[in-house]
Amino acid sequence: MSLDLAPGTPAGPARTEAAPDAPTAAGSATTAPARTGTPLTPKSLRAIVRDLAEQPDQWIHHVRLSTEERWYRRLVADEDHEVWLISWLPGQSTGFHDHGGSRGAFAVALGELEELSLGGPEQGLLIRRITAGTARAFGPEYVHDVRNTGAGPAVTLHAYSPPLDSMAHYELRAGGLVRTSQEGPEQW
C-alpha cells in the first residue's frame, strides 16, 4: 500500500487539503483509478483500515480540523482500492449515502462517531456508537449516515474497493430512504 495523498471525498461534502502536486482549484480533484480486477472483500478492507489506524505515524501529520465541514484526504489510490483520512468536529455528518456499488470499511482512530442505518422493516433505524479502535465493514449495497455526536473531534480511516466512482445521497422519510442526488469524483 502506497500513500498517494490525492484530494477528494468518500462521503458527501467536506473540506480537503490538496497534496503539493495535486490541483488546488475548488472542485478539481484527481480521478479515482479505473475499476479493474476483483474487488477486495469487506473483511480485507477492515483489516487495511484497522492496521493503518494503529499506525498514527503514517497519517497523523496530515490531519486538519475544519469548522466549516469535515476535512478529508485520500491517502491511497491503488487499482483495486483506495483509503481516505477524514477528521470530524462535533456536529459534522455525512447524511445518508451509498458508495456507488463499492465495498467499504472504516475505522475510528481517534474519538467516537455514531452510525445510522436501516435494519429492515422489523428493525427500523439502527444506531451504533463507534469508539476509537473499532472498525466497521460493509458490502456494495450499504447505505448509512455517519456523524460526530460527541463533544470532541474524531479521526477515521476509510477504504473502498473498487475505488469510488459515484455516490448517491438519501433523505430519511416516513416511508424509508428517498434518493435525492448523485455525485461523482468531479464533485469531490
N, C-alpha and C. Protein backbone atom coordinates (compact mmCIF):
# COMPACT_ATOMS: atom_id res chain seq x y z
N MET A 1 0.87 -1.17 0.00
CA MET A 1 0.00 0.00 0.00
C MET A 1 0.91 1.23 0.00
N SER A 2 0.68 2.13 -0.97
CA SER A 2 1.47 3.35 -1.02
C SER A 2 0.59 4.55 -0.71
N LEU A 3 1.17 5.58 -0.10
CA LEU A 3 0.42 6.79 0.21
C LEU A 3 0.41 7.67 -1.02
N ASP A 4 -0.78 8.00 -1.51
CA ASP A 4 -0.94 8.81 -2.72
C ASP A 4 -1.18 10.28 -2.42
N LEU A 5 -1.95 10.56 -1.38
CA LEU A 5 -2.24 11.92 -0.93
C LEU A 5 -2.95 12.77 -1.97
N ALA A 6 -3.88 12.20 -2.69
CA ALA A 6 -4.68 12.96 -3.65
C ALA A 6 -5.93 13.47 -2.97
N PRO A 7 -6.45 14.66 -3.35
CA PRO A 7 -7.65 15.18 -2.71
C PRO A 7 -8.90 14.49 -3.20
N GLY A 8 -9.98 14.60 -2.44
CA GLY A 8 -11.28 14.04 -2.82
C GLY A 8 -12.08 13.77 -1.58
N THR A 9 -13.24 13.11 -1.73
CA THR A 9 -14.06 12.80 -0.57
C THR A 9 -14.77 11.48 -0.73
N PRO A 10 -14.86 10.71 0.33
CA PRO A 10 -15.61 9.48 0.24
C PRO A 10 -17.06 9.60 0.60
N ALA A 11 -17.48 10.67 1.23
CA ALA A 11 -18.84 10.69 1.71
C ALA A 11 -19.37 12.10 1.85
N GLY A 12 -19.88 12.64 0.78
CA GLY A 12 -20.53 13.94 0.84
C GLY A 12 -19.57 15.10 0.93
N PRO A 13 -20.13 16.30 1.05
CA PRO A 13 -19.30 17.49 1.06
C PRO A 13 -18.40 17.54 2.27
N ALA A 14 -17.18 17.90 2.04
CA ALA A 14 -16.21 18.07 3.10
C ALA A 14 -15.11 18.97 2.57
N ARG A 15 -14.19 19.33 3.43
CA ARG A 15 -13.10 20.20 3.04
C ARG A 15 -11.84 19.38 2.87
N THR A 16 -11.13 19.57 1.79
CA THR A 16 -9.92 18.83 1.53
C THR A 16 -8.72 19.75 1.45
N GLU A 17 -7.59 19.18 1.72
CA GLU A 17 -6.33 19.88 1.52
C GLU A 17 -5.59 19.11 0.46
N ALA A 18 -5.22 19.77 -0.61
CA ALA A 18 -4.57 19.09 -1.73
C ALA A 18 -3.14 18.74 -1.39
N ALA A 19 -2.68 17.63 -1.96
CA ALA A 19 -1.28 17.27 -1.86
C ALA A 19 -0.48 18.30 -2.66
N PRO A 20 0.83 18.48 -2.36
CA PRO A 20 1.61 19.52 -3.03
C PRO A 20 1.57 19.46 -4.54
N ASP A 21 1.47 18.28 -5.14
CA ASP A 21 1.48 18.17 -6.59
C ASP A 21 0.08 18.01 -7.18
N ALA A 22 -0.95 18.14 -6.38
CA ALA A 22 -2.32 17.96 -6.85
C ALA A 22 -2.94 19.30 -7.19
N PRO A 23 -3.98 19.31 -8.05
CA PRO A 23 -4.67 20.56 -8.37
C PRO A 23 -5.25 21.18 -7.11
N THR A 24 -5.28 22.51 -7.05
CA THR A 24 -5.79 23.17 -5.86
C THR A 24 -7.03 23.98 -6.11
N ALA A 25 -7.48 24.11 -7.35
CA ALA A 25 -8.70 24.89 -7.63
C ALA A 25 -9.90 24.20 -7.01
N ALA A 26 -10.85 24.99 -6.56
CA ALA A 26 -12.06 24.43 -5.94
C ALA A 26 -12.73 23.48 -6.92
N GLY A 27 -13.08 22.31 -6.43
CA GLY A 27 -13.79 21.34 -7.25
C GLY A 27 -12.90 20.50 -8.11
N SER A 28 -11.60 20.77 -8.18
CA SER A 28 -10.75 19.95 -9.02
C SER A 28 -10.08 18.89 -8.16
N ALA A 29 -10.24 17.66 -8.57
CA ALA A 29 -9.65 16.55 -7.85
C ALA A 29 -9.18 15.53 -8.86
N THR A 30 -8.21 14.74 -8.48
CA THR A 30 -7.76 13.71 -9.39
C THR A 30 -8.83 12.65 -9.51
N THR A 31 -8.91 12.03 -10.66
CA THR A 31 -9.90 11.00 -10.89
C THR A 31 -9.49 9.72 -10.18
N ALA A 32 -10.46 9.03 -9.62
CA ALA A 32 -10.19 7.77 -8.96
C ALA A 32 -9.68 6.77 -9.99
N PRO A 33 -8.84 5.82 -9.58
CA PRO A 33 -8.34 4.82 -10.50
C PRO A 33 -9.49 4.05 -11.15
N ALA A 34 -9.26 3.60 -12.39
CA ALA A 34 -10.28 2.84 -13.11
C ALA A 34 -10.56 1.53 -12.39
N ARG A 35 -11.81 1.07 -12.46
CA ARG A 35 -12.20 -0.20 -11.84
C ARG A 35 -11.71 -1.36 -12.69
N THR A 36 -10.80 -2.13 -12.13
CA THR A 36 -10.31 -3.32 -12.81
C THR A 36 -10.10 -4.40 -11.77
N GLY A 37 -10.08 -5.65 -12.21
CA GLY A 37 -9.80 -6.75 -11.30
C GLY A 37 -10.94 -7.04 -10.35
N THR A 38 -10.66 -7.91 -9.41
CA THR A 38 -11.63 -8.34 -8.42
C THR A 38 -11.60 -7.42 -7.21
N PRO A 39 -12.75 -6.92 -6.78
CA PRO A 39 -12.77 -6.06 -5.59
C PRO A 39 -12.31 -6.82 -4.35
N LEU A 40 -11.70 -6.09 -3.42
CA LEU A 40 -11.33 -6.67 -2.13
C LEU A 40 -12.60 -6.93 -1.32
N THR A 41 -12.55 -7.86 -0.41
CA THR A 41 -13.69 -8.17 0.43
C THR A 41 -13.82 -7.14 1.55
N PRO A 42 -15.03 -6.98 2.11
CA PRO A 42 -15.17 -6.10 3.28
C PRO A 42 -14.21 -6.48 4.40
N LYS A 43 -13.99 -7.77 4.62
CA LYS A 43 -13.07 -8.23 5.67
C LYS A 43 -11.65 -7.74 5.40
N SER A 44 -11.20 -7.80 4.15
CA SER A 44 -9.86 -7.31 3.78
C SER A 44 -9.77 -5.80 3.97
N LEU A 45 -10.82 -5.09 3.60
CA LEU A 45 -10.83 -3.63 3.76
C LEU A 45 -10.79 -3.25 5.25
N ARG A 46 -11.52 -4.00 6.08
CA ARG A 46 -11.48 -3.76 7.52
C ARG A 46 -10.07 -3.94 8.06
N ALA A 47 -9.38 -4.97 7.60
CA ALA A 47 -8.00 -5.19 8.05
C ALA A 47 -7.10 -4.03 7.64
N ILE A 48 -7.29 -3.51 6.44
CA ILE A 48 -6.48 -2.38 5.96
C ILE A 48 -6.67 -1.16 6.86
N VAL A 49 -7.94 -0.77 7.11
CA VAL A 49 -8.16 0.44 7.92
C VAL A 49 -7.78 0.22 9.38
N ARG A 50 -8.03 -0.97 9.89
CA ARG A 50 -7.66 -1.26 11.28
C ARG A 50 -6.14 -1.19 11.46
N ASP A 51 -5.40 -1.79 10.53
CA ASP A 51 -3.94 -1.76 10.60
C ASP A 51 -3.41 -0.33 10.49
N LEU A 52 -3.95 0.42 9.56
CA LEU A 52 -3.49 1.80 9.38
C LEU A 52 -3.86 2.67 10.58
N ALA A 53 -5.03 2.46 11.16
CA ALA A 53 -5.43 3.22 12.35
C ALA A 53 -4.47 3.00 13.50
N GLU A 54 -3.86 1.83 13.56
CA GLU A 54 -2.90 1.50 14.61
C GLU A 54 -1.50 2.04 14.34
N GLN A 55 -1.34 2.75 13.22
CA GLN A 55 -0.04 3.33 12.86
C GLN A 55 -0.19 4.85 12.65
N PRO A 56 -0.50 5.60 13.69
CA PRO A 56 -0.74 7.05 13.52
C PRO A 56 0.43 7.81 12.92
N ASP A 57 1.64 7.29 13.05
CA ASP A 57 2.78 7.97 12.44
C ASP A 57 2.67 8.02 10.92
N GLN A 58 1.82 7.18 10.31
CA GLN A 58 1.61 7.16 8.87
C GLN A 58 0.64 8.24 8.39
N TRP A 59 -0.19 8.79 9.30
CA TRP A 59 -1.24 9.71 8.85
C TRP A 59 -1.49 10.91 9.75
N ILE A 60 -1.10 10.88 11.01
CA ILE A 60 -1.48 11.94 11.95
C ILE A 60 -1.01 13.32 11.49
N HIS A 61 0.14 13.40 10.84
CA HIS A 61 0.67 14.69 10.39
C HIS A 61 -0.16 15.31 9.26
N HIS A 62 -1.05 14.54 8.66
CA HIS A 62 -1.92 15.06 7.60
C HIS A 62 -3.24 15.63 8.14
N VAL A 63 -3.61 15.27 9.36
CA VAL A 63 -4.93 15.63 9.90
C VAL A 63 -5.05 17.14 10.06
N ARG A 64 -6.18 17.66 9.60
CA ARG A 64 -6.55 19.06 9.79
C ARG A 64 -7.98 19.07 10.32
N LEU A 65 -8.35 20.10 11.04
CA LEU A 65 -9.71 20.26 11.52
C LEU A 65 -10.31 21.48 10.85
N SER A 66 -11.55 21.38 10.43
CA SER A 66 -12.25 22.48 9.77
C SER A 66 -13.59 22.70 10.46
N THR A 67 -13.85 23.93 10.86
CA THR A 67 -15.13 24.22 11.50
C THR A 67 -16.26 24.30 10.47
N GLU A 68 -15.93 24.48 9.21
CA GLU A 68 -16.94 24.62 8.15
C GLU A 68 -17.55 23.29 7.74
N GLU A 69 -16.72 22.25 7.60
CA GLU A 69 -17.19 20.94 7.16
C GLU A 69 -16.11 19.91 7.43
N ARG A 70 -16.47 18.65 7.30
CA ARG A 70 -15.48 17.60 7.51
C ARG A 70 -14.29 17.84 6.59
N TRP A 71 -13.09 17.52 7.09
CA TRP A 71 -11.88 17.61 6.28
C TRP A 71 -11.51 16.20 5.86
N TYR A 72 -10.94 16.02 4.67
CA TYR A 72 -10.59 14.70 4.18
C TYR A 72 -9.39 14.76 3.26
N ARG A 73 -8.75 13.61 3.11
CA ARG A 73 -7.61 13.48 2.20
C ARG A 73 -7.50 12.02 1.78
N ARG A 74 -7.31 11.81 0.49
CA ARG A 74 -7.08 10.45 0.01
C ARG A 74 -5.62 10.10 0.28
N LEU A 75 -5.40 9.00 0.98
CA LEU A 75 -4.05 8.55 1.30
C LEU A 75 -3.52 7.52 0.32
N VAL A 76 -4.42 6.66 -0.17
CA VAL A 76 -4.02 5.57 -1.07
C VAL A 76 -4.96 5.54 -2.25
N ALA A 77 -4.39 5.43 -3.45
CA ALA A 77 -5.20 5.26 -4.66
C ALA A 77 -4.56 4.15 -5.48
N ASP A 78 -4.92 2.91 -5.19
CA ASP A 78 -4.44 1.77 -5.93
C ASP A 78 -5.51 1.33 -6.92
N GLU A 79 -5.14 0.42 -7.79
CA GLU A 79 -6.07 -0.05 -8.80
C GLU A 79 -7.29 -0.74 -8.20
N ASP A 80 -7.09 -1.48 -7.11
CA ASP A 80 -8.20 -2.26 -6.55
C ASP A 80 -8.84 -1.65 -5.31
N HIS A 81 -8.24 -0.59 -4.73
CA HIS A 81 -8.85 0.04 -3.55
C HIS A 81 -8.26 1.43 -3.33
N GLU A 82 -8.94 2.19 -2.46
CA GLU A 82 -8.44 3.49 -2.04
C GLU A 82 -8.68 3.64 -0.55
N VAL A 83 -7.89 4.53 0.07
CA VAL A 83 -8.01 4.78 1.51
C VAL A 83 -8.08 6.28 1.73
N TRP A 84 -9.00 6.70 2.57
CA TRP A 84 -9.23 8.11 2.89
C TRP A 84 -9.04 8.36 4.38
N LEU A 85 -8.56 9.53 4.72
CA LEU A 85 -8.42 10.02 6.08
C LEU A 85 -9.43 11.14 6.24
N ILE A 86 -10.26 11.10 7.29
CA ILE A 86 -11.29 12.12 7.50
C ILE A 86 -11.24 12.59 8.95
N SER A 87 -11.36 13.91 9.15
CA SER A 87 -11.50 14.43 10.51
C SER A 87 -12.89 15.03 10.67
N TRP A 88 -13.43 14.92 11.87
CA TRP A 88 -14.80 15.30 12.18
C TRP A 88 -14.81 16.15 13.44
N LEU A 89 -15.41 17.30 13.39
CA LEU A 89 -15.67 18.08 14.59
C LEU A 89 -17.09 17.76 15.06
N PRO A 90 -17.41 18.04 16.31
CA PRO A 90 -18.77 17.76 16.80
C PRO A 90 -19.83 18.40 15.89
N GLY A 91 -20.87 17.62 15.58
CA GLY A 91 -21.97 18.09 14.74
C GLY A 91 -21.80 17.81 13.26
N GLN A 92 -20.62 17.44 12.81
CA GLN A 92 -20.41 17.16 11.38
C GLN A 92 -20.89 15.76 11.04
N SER A 93 -21.49 15.61 9.84
CA SER A 93 -22.02 14.31 9.43
C SER A 93 -21.99 14.17 7.93
N THR A 94 -22.22 12.95 7.47
CA THR A 94 -22.24 12.67 6.04
C THR A 94 -23.64 12.78 5.45
N GLY A 95 -24.68 12.59 6.25
CA GLY A 95 -26.00 12.37 5.71
C GLY A 95 -26.05 10.95 5.15
N PHE A 96 -27.25 10.44 4.90
CA PHE A 96 -27.37 9.09 4.35
C PHE A 96 -26.79 9.06 2.94
N HIS A 97 -25.95 8.06 2.67
CA HIS A 97 -25.29 7.94 1.37
C HIS A 97 -24.93 6.48 1.11
N ASP A 98 -24.73 6.17 -0.17
CA ASP A 98 -24.20 4.86 -0.53
C ASP A 98 -22.77 5.05 -1.03
N HIS A 99 -22.19 4.01 -1.59
CA HIS A 99 -20.80 4.07 -2.03
C HIS A 99 -20.68 3.64 -3.48
N GLY A 100 -21.75 3.88 -4.24
CA GLY A 100 -21.73 3.63 -5.68
C GLY A 100 -21.42 2.20 -6.07
N GLY A 101 -21.77 1.25 -5.23
CA GLY A 101 -21.51 -0.16 -5.54
C GLY A 101 -20.17 -0.67 -5.04
N SER A 102 -19.40 0.17 -4.39
CA SER A 102 -18.12 -0.28 -3.83
C SER A 102 -18.34 -0.91 -2.45
N ARG A 103 -17.49 -1.86 -2.12
CA ARG A 103 -17.45 -2.39 -0.76
C ARG A 103 -16.65 -1.41 0.07
N GLY A 104 -16.82 -1.43 1.39
CA GLY A 104 -16.08 -0.46 2.20
C GLY A 104 -15.87 -0.90 3.63
N ALA A 105 -15.05 -0.11 4.31
CA ALA A 105 -14.80 -0.28 5.73
C ALA A 105 -14.27 1.03 6.27
N PHE A 106 -14.52 1.27 7.56
CA PHE A 106 -13.91 2.43 8.20
C PHE A 106 -13.55 2.09 9.63
N ALA A 107 -12.49 2.74 10.10
CA ALA A 107 -12.03 2.56 11.48
C ALA A 107 -11.96 3.92 12.15
N VAL A 108 -12.43 3.97 13.38
CA VAL A 108 -12.29 5.19 14.16
C VAL A 108 -10.93 5.10 14.85
N ALA A 109 -10.05 6.05 14.51
CA ALA A 109 -8.71 6.07 15.09
C ALA A 109 -8.66 6.92 16.35
N LEU A 110 -9.39 8.02 16.34
CA LEU A 110 -9.44 8.94 17.48
C LEU A 110 -10.88 9.40 17.68
N GLY A 111 -11.32 9.51 18.91
CA GLY A 111 -12.67 9.99 19.19
C GLY A 111 -13.70 8.90 19.06
N GLU A 112 -14.93 9.31 18.77
CA GLU A 112 -16.02 8.36 18.56
C GLU A 112 -17.06 8.98 17.64
N LEU A 113 -17.76 8.11 16.92
CA LEU A 113 -18.80 8.53 15.98
C LEU A 113 -20.06 7.72 16.23
N GLU A 114 -21.11 8.12 15.56
CA GLU A 114 -22.39 7.41 15.58
C GLU A 114 -22.71 7.07 14.13
N GLU A 115 -23.18 5.83 13.91
CA GLU A 115 -23.57 5.38 12.58
C GLU A 115 -25.05 5.03 12.60
N LEU A 116 -25.80 5.57 11.63
CA LEU A 116 -27.21 5.24 11.47
C LEU A 116 -27.38 4.45 10.19
N SER A 117 -28.19 3.40 10.24
CA SER A 117 -28.52 2.62 9.05
C SER A 117 -29.91 2.03 9.26
N LEU A 118 -30.50 1.56 8.17
CA LEU A 118 -31.82 0.92 8.27
C LEU A 118 -31.63 -0.58 8.35
N GLY A 119 -32.27 -1.19 9.33
CA GLY A 119 -32.14 -2.62 9.55
C GLY A 119 -33.27 -3.43 8.94
N GLY A 120 -34.12 -2.82 8.15
CA GLY A 120 -35.24 -3.54 7.57
C GLY A 120 -36.52 -3.26 8.33
N PRO A 121 -37.67 -3.74 7.81
CA PRO A 121 -38.96 -3.44 8.41
C PRO A 121 -39.09 -3.88 9.87
N GLU A 122 -38.43 -4.96 10.23
CA GLU A 122 -38.53 -5.48 11.59
C GLU A 122 -37.65 -4.72 12.58
N GLN A 123 -36.56 -4.12 12.09
CA GLN A 123 -35.60 -3.47 12.99
C GLN A 123 -35.68 -1.95 12.97
N GLY A 124 -36.10 -1.36 11.86
CA GLY A 124 -36.16 0.09 11.76
C GLY A 124 -34.78 0.73 11.71
N LEU A 125 -34.65 1.89 12.31
CA LEU A 125 -33.40 2.64 12.32
C LEU A 125 -32.45 2.07 13.36
N LEU A 126 -31.25 1.69 12.92
CA LEU A 126 -30.23 1.17 13.82
C LEU A 126 -29.24 2.29 14.11
N ILE A 127 -28.87 2.45 15.36
CA ILE A 127 -27.89 3.45 15.76
C ILE A 127 -26.77 2.73 16.49
N ARG A 128 -25.54 2.91 15.96
CA ARG A 128 -24.37 2.27 16.56
C ARG A 128 -23.39 3.34 17.03
N ARG A 129 -22.87 3.19 18.20
CA ARG A 129 -21.80 4.05 18.73
C ARG A 129 -20.49 3.38 18.36
N ILE A 130 -19.61 4.09 17.67
CA ILE A 130 -18.35 3.51 17.20
C ILE A 130 -17.21 4.27 17.85
N THR A 131 -16.51 3.60 18.74
CA THR A 131 -15.45 4.23 19.52
C THR A 131 -14.08 3.98 18.90
N ALA A 132 -13.08 4.71 19.36
CA ALA A 132 -11.70 4.54 18.88
C ALA A 132 -11.29 3.08 19.00
N GLY A 133 -10.66 2.56 17.96
CA GLY A 133 -10.24 1.17 17.93
C GLY A 133 -11.25 0.25 17.28
N THR A 134 -12.43 0.77 16.94
CA THR A 134 -13.48 -0.04 16.33
C THR A 134 -13.47 0.16 14.82
N ALA A 135 -13.69 -0.92 14.08
CA ALA A 135 -13.79 -0.86 12.62
C ALA A 135 -15.09 -1.50 12.18
N ARG A 136 -15.69 -0.95 11.13
CA ARG A 136 -16.93 -1.47 10.53
C ARG A 136 -16.66 -1.78 9.07
N ALA A 137 -17.25 -2.82 8.54
CA ALA A 137 -17.12 -3.17 7.13
C ALA A 137 -18.50 -3.42 6.56
N PHE A 138 -18.65 -3.22 5.24
CA PHE A 138 -19.96 -3.36 4.61
C PHE A 138 -19.83 -3.71 3.14
N GLY A 139 -20.93 -4.24 2.61
CA GLY A 139 -20.98 -4.66 1.22
C GLY A 139 -21.36 -3.53 0.27
N PRO A 140 -21.51 -3.85 -1.01
CA PRO A 140 -21.72 -2.83 -2.04
C PRO A 140 -23.07 -2.13 -2.03
N GLU A 141 -24.05 -2.64 -1.32
CA GLU A 141 -25.38 -2.02 -1.33
C GLU A 141 -25.65 -1.21 -0.06
N TYR A 142 -24.67 -1.03 0.79
CA TYR A 142 -24.86 -0.44 2.11
C TYR A 142 -25.11 1.06 2.04
N VAL A 143 -26.09 1.52 2.83
CA VAL A 143 -26.41 2.94 2.95
C VAL A 143 -26.37 3.30 4.43
N HIS A 144 -25.67 4.38 4.76
CA HIS A 144 -25.60 4.79 6.17
C HIS A 144 -25.37 6.29 6.28
N ASP A 145 -25.47 6.78 7.51
CA ASP A 145 -25.17 8.17 7.87
C ASP A 145 -24.18 8.08 9.02
N VAL A 146 -23.05 8.75 8.90
CA VAL A 146 -22.05 8.74 9.95
C VAL A 146 -21.93 10.16 10.47
N ARG A 147 -21.88 10.30 11.81
CA ARG A 147 -21.87 11.64 12.40
C ARG A 147 -21.08 11.68 13.69
N ASN A 148 -20.57 12.87 13.98
CA ASN A 148 -19.88 13.08 15.25
C ASN A 148 -20.87 13.73 16.20
N THR A 149 -21.40 12.95 17.11
CA THR A 149 -22.33 13.46 18.12
C THR A 149 -21.62 13.65 19.46
N GLY A 150 -20.30 13.43 19.46
CA GLY A 150 -19.53 13.56 20.69
C GLY A 150 -19.16 15.01 20.99
N ALA A 151 -18.41 15.20 22.06
CA ALA A 151 -18.00 16.53 22.50
C ALA A 151 -16.66 16.96 21.92
N GLY A 152 -15.91 16.03 21.30
CA GLY A 152 -14.59 16.37 20.76
C GLY A 152 -14.42 15.88 19.34
N PRO A 153 -13.29 16.20 18.72
CA PRO A 153 -13.03 15.77 17.34
C PRO A 153 -12.85 14.26 17.24
N ALA A 154 -12.99 13.77 16.02
CA ALA A 154 -12.76 12.36 15.70
C ALA A 154 -11.96 12.27 14.41
N VAL A 155 -11.23 11.18 14.26
CA VAL A 155 -10.45 10.92 13.04
C VAL A 155 -10.74 9.49 12.62
N THR A 156 -11.02 9.30 11.32
CA THR A 156 -11.33 7.98 10.80
C THR A 156 -10.52 7.69 9.55
N LEU A 157 -10.37 6.40 9.26
CA LEU A 157 -9.75 5.93 8.02
C LEU A 157 -10.79 5.07 7.31
N HIS A 158 -10.95 5.29 6.00
CA HIS A 158 -11.96 4.61 5.19
C HIS A 158 -11.29 3.96 4.00
N ALA A 159 -11.71 2.75 3.65
CA ALA A 159 -11.20 2.06 2.47
C ALA A 159 -12.37 1.61 1.61
N TYR A 160 -12.21 1.71 0.30
CA TYR A 160 -13.26 1.32 -0.65
C TYR A 160 -12.66 0.49 -1.77
N SER A 161 -13.39 -0.55 -2.19
CA SER A 161 -12.96 -1.38 -3.30
C SER A 161 -14.18 -1.84 -4.07
N PRO A 162 -14.18 -1.65 -5.37
CA PRO A 162 -13.22 -0.86 -6.11
C PRO A 162 -13.27 0.60 -5.67
N PRO A 163 -12.27 1.41 -6.10
CA PRO A 163 -12.30 2.83 -5.72
C PRO A 163 -13.63 3.48 -6.09
N LEU A 164 -14.05 4.43 -5.28
CA LEU A 164 -15.34 5.10 -5.50
C LEU A 164 -15.39 5.76 -6.88
N ASP A 165 -16.52 5.59 -7.57
CA ASP A 165 -16.72 6.33 -8.82
C ASP A 165 -18.04 7.10 -8.81
N SER A 166 -18.86 6.88 -7.78
CA SER A 166 -20.10 7.65 -7.61
C SER A 166 -20.63 7.41 -6.21
N MET A 167 -21.50 8.32 -5.81
CA MET A 167 -22.19 8.20 -4.52
C MET A 167 -23.57 8.82 -4.67
N ALA A 168 -24.56 8.17 -4.10
CA ALA A 168 -25.89 8.74 -4.07
C ALA A 168 -26.19 9.17 -2.64
N HIS A 169 -26.95 10.26 -2.51
CA HIS A 169 -27.36 10.77 -1.20
C HIS A 169 -28.86 10.53 -1.04
N TYR A 170 -29.28 10.33 0.20
CA TYR A 170 -30.67 9.97 0.50
C TYR A 170 -31.19 10.83 1.65
N GLU A 171 -32.50 10.95 1.67
CA GLU A 171 -33.18 11.61 2.78
C GLU A 171 -34.05 10.57 3.46
N LEU A 172 -34.02 10.54 4.78
CA LEU A 172 -34.85 9.61 5.53
C LEU A 172 -36.22 10.22 5.72
N ARG A 173 -37.24 9.54 5.19
CA ARG A 173 -38.62 10.00 5.31
C ARG A 173 -39.44 8.90 5.97
N ALA A 174 -40.69 9.19 6.23
CA ALA A 174 -41.57 8.23 6.92
C ALA A 174 -41.61 6.88 6.20
N GLY A 175 -41.57 6.88 4.88
CA GLY A 175 -41.64 5.64 4.11
C GLY A 175 -40.29 4.98 3.89
N GLY A 176 -39.21 5.54 4.39
CA GLY A 176 -37.87 4.99 4.20
C GLY A 176 -36.94 6.00 3.55
N LEU A 177 -35.88 5.49 2.94
CA LEU A 177 -34.89 6.36 2.30
C LEU A 177 -35.33 6.74 0.90
N VAL A 178 -35.19 8.02 0.56
CA VAL A 178 -35.51 8.52 -0.77
C VAL A 178 -34.24 9.13 -1.35
N ARG A 179 -33.86 8.66 -2.53
CA ARG A 179 -32.65 9.17 -3.19
C ARG A 179 -32.87 10.62 -3.61
N THR A 180 -31.93 11.49 -3.24
CA THR A 180 -32.08 12.92 -3.53
C THR A 180 -31.05 13.46 -4.51
N SER A 181 -29.87 12.83 -4.60
CA SER A 181 -28.84 13.32 -5.53
C SER A 181 -27.79 12.25 -5.76
N GLN A 182 -27.01 12.46 -6.79
CA GLN A 182 -25.88 11.58 -7.09
C GLN A 182 -24.71 12.46 -7.47
N GLU A 183 -23.51 12.02 -7.09
CA GLU A 183 -22.31 12.78 -7.43
C GLU A 183 -21.21 11.82 -7.84
N GLY A 184 -20.22 12.37 -8.53
CA GLY A 184 -19.06 11.60 -8.95
C GLY A 184 -17.78 12.30 -8.55
N PRO A 185 -16.64 11.73 -8.90
CA PRO A 185 -15.34 12.26 -8.50
C PRO A 185 -15.11 13.72 -8.91
N GLU A 186 -15.72 14.14 -9.98
CA GLU A 186 -15.53 15.53 -10.41
C GLU A 186 -16.11 16.53 -9.41
N GLN A 187 -16.97 16.07 -8.51
CA GLN A 187 -17.56 16.93 -7.49
C GLN A 187 -16.82 16.84 -6.16
N TRP A 188 -15.84 15.96 -6.07
CA TRP A 188 -15.08 15.81 -4.84
C TRP A 188 -13.87 16.66 -4.93
